[in-house]
Amino acid sequence: EPLGLDMGSMVKGEVWINGQSIGRYWTITAAGDCEPCRYEGA
């Protein structure tokens, strides 16, 4: 199965696996409009 790294307990930085960077991480909280979605309309 594909693998991931759970970084939910950290804050901000970068991760490397065997010398290769999997990227920047940042667990900043998301804001937005998460109301129920309807497909109809533009």
PDB file of all heavy atoms in Angstrom:
ATOM      1  N   GLU A   1       0.825  -1.194   0.000  1.00  0.00           N
ATOM      2  CA  GLU A   1       0.000   0.000   0.000  1.00  0.00           C
ATOM      3  C   GLU A   1       0.867   1.254   0.000  1.00  0.00           C
ATOM      4  O   GLU A   1       1.965   1.257   0.561  1.00  0.00           O
ATOM      5  CB  GLU A   1      -0.908   0.034   1.247  1.00  0.00           C
ATOM      6  CG  GLU A   1      -1.791  -1.169   1.425  1.00  0.00           C
ATOM      7  CD  GLU A   1      -1.163  -2.233   2.297  1.00  0.00           C
ATOM      8  OE1 GLU A   1       0.103  -2.254   2.398  1.00  0.00           O
ATOM      9  OE2 GLU A   1      -1.921  -3.020   2.889  1.00  0.00           O
ATOM     10  N   PRO A   2       0.400   2.343  -0.620  1.00  0.00           N
ATOM     11  CA  PRO A   2       1.156   3.603  -0.546  1.00  0.00           C
ATOM     12  C   PRO A   2       1.327   4.048   0.903  1.00  0.00           C
ATOM     13  O   PRO A   2       0.467   3.798   1.754  1.00  0.00           O
ATOM     14  CB  PRO A   2       0.272   4.583  -1.326  1.00  0.00           C
ATOM     15  CG  PRO A   2      -0.601   3.739  -2.186  1.00  0.00           C
ATOM     16  CD  PRO A   2      -0.827   2.476  -1.429  1.00  0.00           C
ATOM     17  N   LEU A   3       2.444   4.706   1.172  1.00  0.00           N
ATOM     18  CA  LEU A   3       2.776   5.116   2.531  1.00  0.00           C
ATOM     19  C   LEU A   3       2.714   6.633   2.695  1.00  0.00           C
ATOM     20  O   LEU A   3       2.981   7.396   1.760  1.00  0.00           O
ATOM     21  CB  LEU A   3       4.181   4.640   2.901  1.00  0.00           C
ATOM     22  CG  LEU A   3       4.431   3.132   2.952  1.00  0.00           C
ATOM     23  CD1 LEU A   3       5.903   2.867   3.248  1.00  0.00           C
ATOM     24  CD2 LEU A   3       3.546   2.476   3.999  1.00  0.00           C
ATOM     25  N   GLY A   4       2.383   7.026   3.900  1.00  0.00           N
ATOM     26  CA  GLY A   4       2.441   8.426   4.267  1.00  0.00           C
ATOM     27  C   GLY A   4       3.058   8.579   5.638  1.00  0.00           C
ATOM     28  O   GLY A   4       3.193   7.604   6.391  1.00  0.00           O
ATOM     29  N   LEU A   5       3.440   9.811   5.962  1.00  0.00           N
ATOM     30  CA  LEU A   5       3.987  10.125   7.281  1.00  0.00           C
ATOM     31  C   LEU A   5       3.015  11.075   7.969  1.00  0.00           C
ATOM     32  O   LEU A   5       2.682  12.140   7.423  1.00  0.00           O
ATOM     33  CB  LEU A   5       5.370  10.764   7.148  1.00  0.00           C
ATOM     34  CG  LEU A   5       6.233  10.799   8.412  1.00  0.00           C
ATOM     35  CD1 LEU A   5       6.553   9.387   8.901  1.00  0.00           C
ATOM     36  CD2 LEU A   5       7.530  11.566   8.139  1.00  0.00           C
ATOM     37  N   ASP A   6       2.545  10.679   9.145  1.00  0.00           N
ATOM     38  CA  ASP A   6       1.603  11.490   9.911  1.00  0.00           C
ATOM     39  C   ASP A   6       2.388  12.527  10.712  1.00  0.00           C
ATOM     40  O   ASP A   6       3.071  12.203  11.674  1.00  0.00           O
ATOM     41  CB  ASP A   6       0.796  10.590  10.845  1.00  0.00           C
ATOM     42  CG  ASP A   6      -0.307  11.345  11.583  1.00  0.00           C
ATOM     43  OD1 ASP A   6      -0.306  12.585  11.549  1.00  0.00           O
ATOM     44  OD2 ASP A   6      -1.166  10.674  12.198  1.00  0.00           O
ATOM     45  N   MET A   7       2.262  13.793  10.295  1.00  0.00           N
ATOM     46  CA  MET A   7       2.988  14.891  10.942  1.00  0.00           C
ATOM     47  C   MET A   7       2.057  15.773  11.758  1.00  0.00           C
ATOM     48  O   MET A   7       2.395  16.908  12.089  1.00  0.00           O
ATOM     49  CB  MET A   7       3.708  15.727   9.878  1.00  0.00           C
ATOM     50  CG  MET A   7       4.736  14.973   9.061  1.00  0.00           C
ATOM     51  SD  MET A   7       6.090  14.327  10.068  1.00  0.00           S
ATOM     52  CE  MET A   7       6.854  15.865  10.597  1.00  0.00           C
ATOM     53  N   GLY A   8       0.873  15.238  12.121  1.00  0.00           N
ATOM     54  CA  GLY A   8      -0.125  16.048  12.801  1.00  0.00           C
ATOM     55  C   GLY A   8       0.293  16.583  14.146  1.00  0.00           C
ATOM     56  O   GLY A   8      -0.294  17.560  14.639  1.00  0.00           O
ATOM     57  N   SER A   9       1.308  15.982  14.766  1.00  0.00           N
ATOM     58  CA  SER A   9       1.745  16.437  16.089  1.00  0.00           C
ATOM     59  C   SER A   9       2.834  17.504  16.023  1.00  0.00           C
ATOM     60  O   SER A   9       3.248  18.033  17.053  1.00  0.00           O
ATOM     61  CB  SER A   9       2.260  15.247  16.899  1.00  0.00           C
ATOM     62  OG  SER A   9       3.412  14.682  16.277  1.00  0.00           O
ATOM     63  N   MET A  10       3.297  17.799  14.819  1.00  0.00           N
ATOM     64  CA  MET A  10       4.364  18.786  14.659  1.00  0.00           C
ATOM     65  C   MET A  10       3.780  20.127  14.214  1.00  0.00           C
ATOM     66  O   MET A  10       2.564  20.276  14.053  1.00  0.00           O
ATOM     67  CB  MET A  10       5.404  18.270  13.671  1.00  0.00           C
ATOM     68  CG  MET A  10       6.007  16.927  14.061  1.00  0.00           C
ATOM     69  SD  MET A  10       6.807  16.954  15.684  1.00  0.00           S
ATOM     70  CE  MET A  10       8.363  17.744  15.259  1.00  0.00           C
ATOM     71  N   VAL A  11       4.649  21.124  13.994  1.00  0.00           N
ATOM     72  CA  VAL A  11       4.158  22.461  13.646  1.00  0.00           C
ATOM     73  C   VAL A  11       4.584  22.854  12.231  1.00  0.00           C
ATOM     74  O   VAL A  11       3.745  22.990  11.345  1.00  0.00           O
ATOM     75  CB  VAL A  11       4.636  23.521  14.658  1.00  0.00           C
ATOM     76  CG1 VAL A  11       4.068  24.902  14.286  1.00  0.00           C
ATOM     77  CG2 VAL A  11       4.196  23.137  16.066  1.00  0.00           C
ATOM     78  N   LYS A  12       5.885  23.018  12.005  1.00  0.00           N
ATOM     79  CA  LYS A  12       6.329  23.506  10.695  1.00  0.00           C
ATOM     80  C   LYS A  12       7.785  23.132  10.475  1.00  0.00           C
ATOM     81  O   LYS A  12       8.606  23.267  11.377  1.00  0.00           O
ATOM     82  CB  LYS A  12       6.168  25.024  10.589  1.00  0.00           C
ATOM     83  CG  LYS A  12       6.480  25.597   9.227  1.00  0.00           C
ATOM     84  CD  LYS A  12       6.273  27.111   9.186  1.00  0.00           C
ATOM     85  CE  LYS A  12       6.580  27.673   7.812  1.00  0.00           C
ATOM     86  NZ  LYS A  12       7.974  27.414   7.394  1.00  0.00           N
ATOM     87  N   GLY A  13       8.092  22.672   9.257  1.00  0.00           N
ATOM     88  CA  GLY A  13       9.467  22.329   8.932  1.00  0.00           C
ATOM     89  C   GLY A  13       9.557  21.536   7.652  1.00  0.00           C
ATOM     90  O   GLY A  13       8.788  21.761   6.708  1.00  0.00           O
ATOM     91  N   GLU A  14      10.499  20.582   7.606  1.00  0.00           N
ATOM     92  CA  GLU A  14      10.726  19.780   6.403  1.00  0.00           C
ATOM     93  C   GLU A  14      11.154  18.376   6.835  1.00  0.00           C
ATOM     94  O   GLU A  14      11.729  18.209   7.916  1.00  0.00           O
ATOM     95  CB  GLU A  14      11.801  20.426   5.519  1.00  0.00           C
ATOM     96  CG  GLU A  14      11.943  19.786   4.139  1.00  0.00           C
ATOM     97  CD  GLU A  14      12.879  20.569   3.216  1.00  0.00           C
ATOM     98  OE1 GLU A  14      13.243  21.712   3.568  1.00  0.00           O
ATOM     99  OE2 GLU A  14      13.250  20.032   2.153  1.00  0.00           O
ATOM    100  N   VAL A  15      10.877  17.376   5.996  1.00  0.00           N
ATOM    101  CA  VAL A  15      11.169  15.973   6.316  1.00  0.00           C
ATOM    102  C   VAL A  15      11.963  15.346   5.188  1.00  0.00           C
ATOM    103  O   VAL A  15      11.681  15.580   4.002  1.00  0.00           O
ATOM    104  CB  VAL A  15       9.877  15.157   6.521  1.00  0.00           C
ATOM    105  CG1 VAL A  15      10.214  13.760   7.024  1.00  0.00           C
ATOM    106  CG2 VAL A  15       8.941  15.847   7.485  1.00  0.00           C
ATOM    107  N   TRP A  16      12.938  14.490   5.572  1.00  0.00           N
ATOM    108  CA  TRP A  16      13.735  13.748   4.603  1.00  0.00           C
ATOM    109  C   TRP A  16      13.681  12.257   4.921  1.00  0.00           C
ATOM    110  O   TRP A  16      13.727  11.862   6.093  1.00  0.00           O
ATOM    111  CB  TRP A  16      15.192  14.202   4.640  1.00  0.00           C
ATOM    112  CG  TRP A  16      15.430  15.608   4.205  1.00  0.00           C
ATOM    113  CD1 TRP A  16      15.842  16.041   2.983  1.00  0.00           C
ATOM    114  CD2 TRP A  16      15.301  16.791   5.013  1.00  0.00           C
ATOM    115  NE1 TRP A  16      15.969  17.411   2.974  1.00  0.00           N
ATOM    116  CE2 TRP A  16      15.637  17.898   4.209  1.00  0.00           C
ATOM    117  CE3 TRP A  16      14.923  17.009   6.342  1.00  0.00           C
ATOM    118  CZ2 TRP A  16      15.619  19.199   4.683  1.00  0.00           C
ATOM    119  CZ3 TRP A  16      14.884  18.316   6.823  1.00  0.00           C
ATOM    120  CH2 TRP A  16      15.235  19.393   5.992  1.00  0.00           C
ATOM    121  N   ILE A  17      13.595  11.448   3.886  1.00  0.00           N
ATOM    122  CA  ILE A  17      13.672   9.993   4.021  1.00  0.00           C
ATOM    123  C   ILE A  17      14.893   9.525   3.234  1.00  0.00           C
ATOM    124  O   ILE A  17      14.980   9.747   2.019  1.00  0.00           O
ATOM    125  CB  ILE A  17      12.417   9.299   3.473  1.00  0.00           C
ATOM    126  CG1 ILE A  17      11.164   9.803   4.189  1.00  0.00           C
ATOM    127  CG2 ILE A  17      12.557   7.781   3.568  1.00  0.00           C
ATOM    128  CD1 ILE A  17      10.993   9.302   5.600  1.00  0.00           C
ATOM    129  N   ASN A  18      15.837   8.917   3.917  1.00  0.00           N
ATOM    130  CA  ASN A  18      17.068   8.451   3.258  1.00  0.00           C
ATOM    131  C   ASN A  18      17.699   9.538   2.389  1.00  0.00           C
ATOM    132  O   ASN A  18      18.195   9.291   1.287  1.00  0.00           O
ATOM    133  CB  ASN A  18      16.794   7.194   2.426  1.00  0.00           C
ATOM    134  CG  ASN A  18      16.457   5.999   3.296  1.00  0.00           C
ATOM    135  OD1 ASN A  18      16.872   5.928   4.454  1.00  0.00           O
ATOM    136  ND2 ASN A  18      15.697   5.058   2.762  1.00  0.00           N
ATOM    137  N   GLY A  19      17.659  10.750   2.898  1.00  0.00           N
ATOM    138  CA  GLY A  19      18.300  11.873   2.218  1.00  0.00           C
ATOM    139  C   GLY A  19      17.449  12.587   1.196  1.00  0.00           C
ATOM    140  O   GLY A  19      17.864  13.622   0.675  1.00  0.00           O
ATOM    141  N   GLN A  20      16.253  12.073   0.899  1.00  0.00           N
ATOM    142  CA  GLN A  20      15.382  12.715  -0.087  1.00  0.00           C
ATOM    143  C   GLN A  20      14.240  13.435   0.626  1.00  0.00           C
ATOM    144  O   GLN A  20      13.559  12.852   1.483  1.00  0.00           O
ATOM    145  CB  GLN A  20      14.828  11.681  -1.065  1.00  0.00           C
ATOM    146  CG  GLN A  20      15.908  10.965  -1.862  1.00  0.00           C
ATOM    147  CD  GLN A  20      15.362  10.359  -3.126  1.00  0.00           C
ATOM    148  OE1 GLN A  20      14.896  11.060  -4.025  1.00  0.00           O
ATOM    149  NE2 GLN A  20      15.429   9.032  -3.231  1.00  0.00           N
ATOM    150  N   SER A  21      14.023  14.683   0.242  1.00  0.00           N
ATOM    151  CA  SER A  21      13.008  15.494   0.906  1.00  0.00           C
ATOM    152  C   SER A  21      11.616  15.122   0.407  1.00  0.00           C
ATOM    153  O   SER A  21      11.352  15.134  -0.804  1.00  0.00           O
ATOM    154  CB  SER A  21      13.254  16.982   0.648  1.00  0.00           C
ATOM    155  OG  SER A  21      12.166  17.751   1.125  1.00  0.00           O
ATOM    156  N   ILE A  22      10.726  14.818   1.360  1.00  0.00           N
ATOM    157  CA  ILE A  22       9.333  14.603   0.971  1.00  0.00           C
ATOM    158  C   ILE A  22       8.564  15.913   0.999  1.00  0.00           C
ATOM    159  O   ILE A  22       7.385  15.946   0.646  1.00  0.00           O
ATOM    160  CB  ILE A  22       8.639  13.547   1.846  1.00  0.00           C
ATOM    161  CG1 ILE A  22       8.547  13.987   3.305  1.00  0.00           C
ATOM    162  CG2 ILE A  22       9.353  12.213   1.744  1.00  0.00           C
ATOM    163  CD1 ILE A  22       7.759  13.009   4.174  1.00  0.00           C
ATOM    164  N   GLY A  23       9.219  17.010   1.394  1.00  0.00           N
ATOM    165  CA  GLY A  23       8.610  18.322   1.256  1.00  0.00           C
ATOM    166  C   GLY A  23       8.485  19.079   2.567  1.00  0.00           C
ATOM    167  O   GLY A  23       8.838  18.604   3.648  1.00  0.00           O
ATOM    168  N   ARG A  24       7.966  20.302   2.451  1.00  0.00           N
ATOM    169  CA  ARG A  24       7.694  21.126   3.619  1.00  0.00           C
ATOM    170  C   ARG A  24       6.416  20.625   4.298  1.00  0.00           C
ATOM    171  O   ARG A  24       5.447  20.278   3.623  1.00  0.00           O
ATOM    172  CB  ARG A  24       7.475  22.593   3.225  1.00  0.00           C
ATOM    173  CG  ARG A  24       8.616  23.238   2.466  1.00  0.00           C
ATOM    174  CD  ARG A  24       8.256  24.699   2.185  1.00  0.00           C
ATOM    175  NE  ARG A  24       9.280  25.376   1.409  1.00  0.00           N
ATOM    176  CZ  ARG A  24       9.214  25.561   0.083  1.00  0.00           C
ATOM    177  NH1 ARG A  24       8.176  25.106  -0.594  1.00  0.00           N
ATOM    178  NH2 ARG A  24      10.182  26.184  -0.552  1.00  0.00           N
ATOM    179  N   TYR A  25       6.410  20.637   5.616  1.00  0.00           N
ATOM    180  CA  TYR A  25       5.167  20.366   6.336  1.00  0.00           C
ATOM    181  C   TYR A  25       4.799  21.591   7.158  1.00  0.00           C
ATOM    182  O   TYR A  25       5.649  22.382   7.571  1.00  0.00           O
ATOM    183  CB  TYR A  25       5.285  19.114   7.217  1.00  0.00           C
ATOM    184  CG  TYR A  25       6.190  19.261   8.423  1.00  0.00           C
ATOM    185  CD1 TYR A  25       5.717  19.792   9.627  1.00  0.00           C
ATOM    186  CD2 TYR A  25       7.521  18.858   8.364  1.00  0.00           C
ATOM    187  CE1 TYR A  25       6.552  19.935  10.734  1.00  0.00           C
ATOM    188  CE2 TYR A  25       8.358  18.991   9.467  1.00  0.00           C
ATOM    189  CZ  TYR A  25       7.862  19.537  10.650  1.00  0.00           C
ATOM    190  OH  TYR A  25       8.684  19.691  11.733  1.00  0.00           O
ATOM    191  N   TRP A  26       3.504  21.741   7.394  1.00  0.00           N
ATOM    192  CA  TRP A  26       2.986  22.830   8.217  1.00  0.00           C
ATOM    193  C   TRP A  26       1.577  22.424   8.618  1.00  0.00           C
ATOM    194  O   TRP A  26       0.723  22.219   7.753  1.00  0.00           O
ATOM    195  CB  TRP A  26       2.985  24.141   7.425  1.00  0.00           C
ATOM    196  CG  TRP A  26       2.792  25.387   8.244  1.00  0.00           C
ATOM    197  CD1 TRP A  26       2.756  25.507   9.606  1.00  0.00           C
ATOM    198  CD2 TRP A  26       2.631  26.723   7.749  1.00  0.00           C
ATOM    199  NE1 TRP A  26       2.582  26.808   9.997  1.00  0.00           N
ATOM    200  CE2 TRP A  26       2.501  27.579   8.875  1.00  0.00           C
ATOM    201  CE3 TRP A  26       2.572  27.269   6.475  1.00  0.00           C
ATOM    202  CZ2 TRP A  26       2.311  28.948   8.748  1.00  0.00           C
ATOM    203  CZ3 TRP A  26       2.392  28.644   6.344  1.00  0.00           C
ATOM    204  CH2 TRP A  26       2.270  29.478   7.463  1.00  0.00           C
ATOM    205  N   THR A  27       1.329  22.312   9.898  1.00  0.00           N
ATOM    206  CA  THR A  27       0.030  21.828  10.361  1.00  0.00           C
ATOM    207  C   THR A  27      -0.900  22.971  10.745  1.00  0.00           C
ATOM    208  O   THR A  27      -1.782  22.807  11.602  1.00  0.00           O
ATOM    209  CB  THR A  27       0.210  20.873  11.548  1.00  0.00           C
ATOM    210  OG1 THR A  27       0.965  21.515  12.580  1.00  0.00           O
ATOM    211  CG2 THR A  27       0.932  19.610  11.106  1.00  0.00           C
ATOM    212  N   ILE A  28      -0.756  24.099  10.088  1.00  0.00           N
ATOM    213  CA  ILE A  28      -1.619  25.245  10.325  1.00  0.00           C
ATOM    214  C   ILE A  28      -3.072  24.854  10.035  1.00  0.00           C
ATOM    215  O   ILE A  28      -3.368  24.097   9.112  1.00  0.00           O
ATOM    216  CB  ILE A  28      -1.170  26.436   9.452  1.00  0.00           C
ATOM    217  CG1 ILE A  28      -1.980  27.687   9.785  1.00  0.00           C
ATOM    218  CG2 ILE A  28      -1.230  26.102   7.971  1.00  0.00           C
ATOM    219  CD1 ILE A  28      -1.450  28.944   9.100  1.00  0.00           C
ATOM    220  N   THR A  29      -3.982  25.371  10.843  1.00  0.00           N
ATOM    221  CA  THR A  29      -5.396  25.017  10.745  1.00  0.00           C
ATOM    222  C   THR A  29      -6.036  25.650   9.518  1.00  0.00           C
ATOM    223  O   THR A  29      -5.785  26.816   9.193  1.00  0.00           O
ATOM    224  CB  THR A  29      -6.146  25.466  12.013  1.00  0.00           C
ATOM    225  OG1 THR A  29      -5.555  24.822  13.139  1.00  0.00           O
ATOM    226  CG2 THR A  29      -7.618  25.100  11.933  1.00  0.00           C
ATOM    227  N   ALA A  30      -6.882  24.874   8.848  1.00  0.00           N
ATOM    228  CA  ALA A  30      -7.517  25.320   7.610  1.00  0.00           C
ATOM    229  C   ALA A  30      -8.787  26.105   7.893  1.00  0.00           C
ATOM    230  O   ALA A  30      -9.594  25.733   8.751  1.00  0.00           O
ATOM    231  CB  ALA A  30      -7.850  24.111   6.734  1.00  0.00           C
ATOM    232  N   ALA A  31      -8.951  27.187   7.157  1.00  0.00           N
ATOM    233  CA  ALA A  31     -10.177  27.984   7.202  1.00  0.00           C
ATOM    234  C   ALA A  31     -10.845  27.930   5.841  1.00  0.00           C
ATOM    235  O   ALA A  31     -10.188  27.765   4.814  1.00  0.00           O
ATOM    236  CB  ALA A  31      -9.856  29.428   7.580  1.00  0.00           C
ATOM    237  N   GLY A  32     -12.144  28.063   5.809  1.00  0.00           N
ATOM    238  CA  GLY A  32     -12.863  28.045   4.538  1.00  0.00           C
ATOM    239  C   GLY A  32     -14.347  27.897   4.760  1.00  0.00           C
ATOM    240  O   GLY A  32     -14.852  28.097   5.871  1.00  0.00           O
ATOM    241  N   ASP A  33     -15.059  27.543   3.712  1.00  0.00           N
ATOM    242  CA  ASP A  33     -16.508  27.344   3.758  1.00  0.00           C
ATOM    243  C   ASP A  33     -16.777  25.869   3.507  1.00  0.00           C
ATOM    244  O   ASP A  33     -16.738  25.398   2.371  1.00  0.00           O
ATOM    245  CB  ASP A  33     -17.186  28.208   2.698  1.00  0.00           C
ATOM    246  CG  ASP A  33     -18.708  28.088   2.729  1.00  0.00           C
ATOM    247  OD1 ASP A  33     -19.224  27.334   3.584  1.00  0.00           O
ATOM    248  OD2 ASP A  33     -19.375  28.726   1.901  1.00  0.00           O
ATOM    249  N   CYS A  34     -17.034  25.121   4.569  1.00  0.00           N
ATOM    250  CA  CYS A  34     -17.213  23.672   4.457  1.00  0.00           C
ATOM    251  C   CYS A  34     -18.681  23.273   4.576  1.00  0.00           C
ATOM    252  O   CYS A  34     -19.022  22.249   5.183  1.00  0.00           O
ATOM    253  CB  CYS A  34     -16.364  22.962   5.501  1.00  0.00           C
ATOM    254  SG  CYS A  34     -14.578  23.137   5.221  1.00  0.00           S
ATOM    255  N   GLU A  35     -19.547  24.084   4.005  1.00  0.00           N
ATOM    256  CA  GLU A  35     -20.971  23.758   3.969  1.00  0.00           C
ATOM    257  C   GLU A  35     -21.207  22.586   3.020  1.00  0.00           C
ATOM    258  O   GLU A  35     -20.376  22.286   2.159  1.00  0.00           O
ATOM    259  CB  GLU A  35     -21.769  24.977   3.517  1.00  0.00           C
ATOM    260  CG  GLU A  35     -21.711  26.154   4.476  1.00  0.00           C
ATOM    261  CD  GLU A  35     -22.300  25.824   5.838  1.00  0.00           C
ATOM    262  OE1 GLU A  35     -23.362  25.164   5.869  1.00  0.00           O
ATOM    263  OE2 GLU A  35     -21.687  26.200   6.848  1.00  0.00           O
ATOM    264  N   PRO A  36     -22.361  21.890   3.158  1.00  0.00           N
ATOM    265  CA  PRO A  36     -22.682  20.789   2.233  1.00  0.00           C
ATOM    266  C   PRO A  36     -22.598  21.241   0.781  1.00  0.00           C
ATOM    267  O   PRO A  36     -22.953  22.380   0.438  1.00  0.00           O
ATOM    268  CB  PRO A  36     -24.110  20.401   2.633  1.00  0.00           C
ATOM    269  CG  PRO A  36     -24.213  20.792   4.079  1.00  0.00           C
ATOM    270  CD  PRO A  36     -23.388  22.050   4.203  1.00  0.00           C
ATOM    271  N   CYS A  37     -22.124  20.348  -0.072  1.00  0.00           N
ATOM    272  CA  CYS A  37     -21.841  20.703  -1.469  1.00  0.00           C
ATOM    273  C   CYS A  37     -22.932  20.188  -2.390  1.00  0.00           C
ATOM    274  O   CYS A  37     -23.370  19.038  -2.283  1.00  0.00           O
ATOM    275  CB  CYS A  37     -20.491  20.098  -1.874  1.00  0.00           C
ATOM    276  SG  CYS A  37     -20.125  20.261  -3.626  1.00  0.00           S
ATOM    277  N   ARG A  38     -23.361  21.024  -3.304  1.00  0.00           N
ATOM    278  CA  ARG A  38     -24.248  20.619  -4.405  1.00  0.00           C
ATOM    279  C   ARG A  38     -23.466  20.755  -5.713  1.00  0.00           C
ATOM    280  O   ARG A  38     -22.765  21.741  -5.917  1.00  0.00           O
ATOM    281  CB  ARG A  38     -25.492  21.503  -4.468  1.00  0.00           C
ATOM    282  CG  ARG A  38     -26.482  21.295  -3.325  1.00  0.00           C
ATOM    283  CD  ARG A  38     -27.628  22.285  -3.426  1.00  0.00           C
ATOM    284  NE  ARG A  38     -28.330  22.192  -4.698  1.00  0.00           N
ATOM    285  CZ  ARG A  38     -29.371  21.378  -4.942  1.00  0.00           C
ATOM    286  NH1 ARG A  38     -29.819  20.586  -3.975  1.00  0.00           N
ATOM    287  NH2 ARG A  38     -29.962  21.362  -6.115  1.00  0.00           N
ATOM    288  N   TYR A  39     -23.626  19.760  -6.575  1.00  0.00           N
ATOM    289  CA  TYR A  39     -22.884  19.801  -7.830  1.00  0.00           C
ATOM    290  C   TYR A  39     -23.461  20.803  -8.806  1.00  0.00           C
ATOM    291  O   TYR A  39     -22.769  21.291  -9.708  1.00  0.00           O
ATOM    292  CB  TYR A  39     -22.852  18.408  -8.479  1.00  0.00           C
ATOM    293  CG  TYR A  39     -24.117  18.024  -9.204  1.00  0.00           C
ATOM    294  CD1 TYR A  39     -24.330  18.395 -10.543  1.00  0.00           C
ATOM    295  CD2 TYR A  39     -25.115  17.300  -8.569  1.00  0.00           C
ATOM    296  CE1 TYR A  39     -25.491  18.054 -11.207  1.00  0.00           C
ATOM    297  CE2 TYR A  39     -26.273  16.946  -9.232  1.00  0.00           C
ATOM    298  CZ  TYR A  39     -26.468  17.324 -10.546  1.00  0.00           C
ATOM    299  OH  TYR A  39     -27.620  16.985 -11.215  1.00  0.00           O
ATOM    300  N   GLU A  40     -24.761  21.126  -8.656  1.00  0.00           N
ATOM    301  CA  GLU A  40     -25.417  21.989  -9.637  1.00  0.00           C
ATOM    302  C   GLU A  40     -24.885  23.414  -9.550  1.00  0.00           C
ATOM    303  O   GLU A  40     -24.608  23.920  -8.467  1.00  0.00           O
ATOM    304  CB  GLU A  40     -26.937  22.010  -9.417  1.00  0.00           C
ATOM    305  CG  GLU A  40     -27.610  20.662  -9.520  1.00  0.00           C
ATOM    306  CD  GLU A  40     -27.753  19.966  -8.170  1.00  0.00           C
ATOM    307  OE1 GLU A  40     -26.961  20.308  -7.254  1.00  0.00           O
ATOM    308  OE2 GLU A  40     -28.633  19.100  -8.032  1.00  0.00           O
ATOM    309  N   GLY A  41     -24.765  24.048 -10.696  1.00  0.00           N
ATOM    310  CA  GLY A  41     -24.339  25.430 -10.752  1.00  0.00           C
ATOM    311  C   GLY A  41     -22.860  25.573 -11.019  1.00  0.00           C
ATOM    312  O   GLY A  41     -22.077  24.641 -10.817  1.00  0.00           O
ATOM    313  N   ALA A  42     -22.478  26.753 -11.479  1.00  0.00           N
ATOM    314  CA  ALA A  42     -21.098  26.995 -11.886  1.00  0.00           C
ATOM    315  C   ALA A  42     -20.145  26.771 -10.727  1.00  0.00           C
ATOM    316  O   ALA A  42     -20.369  27.234  -9.603  1.00  0.00           O
ATOM    317  CB  ALA A  42     -20.947  28.410 -12.432  1.00  0.00           C
TER     318      ALA A  42
END
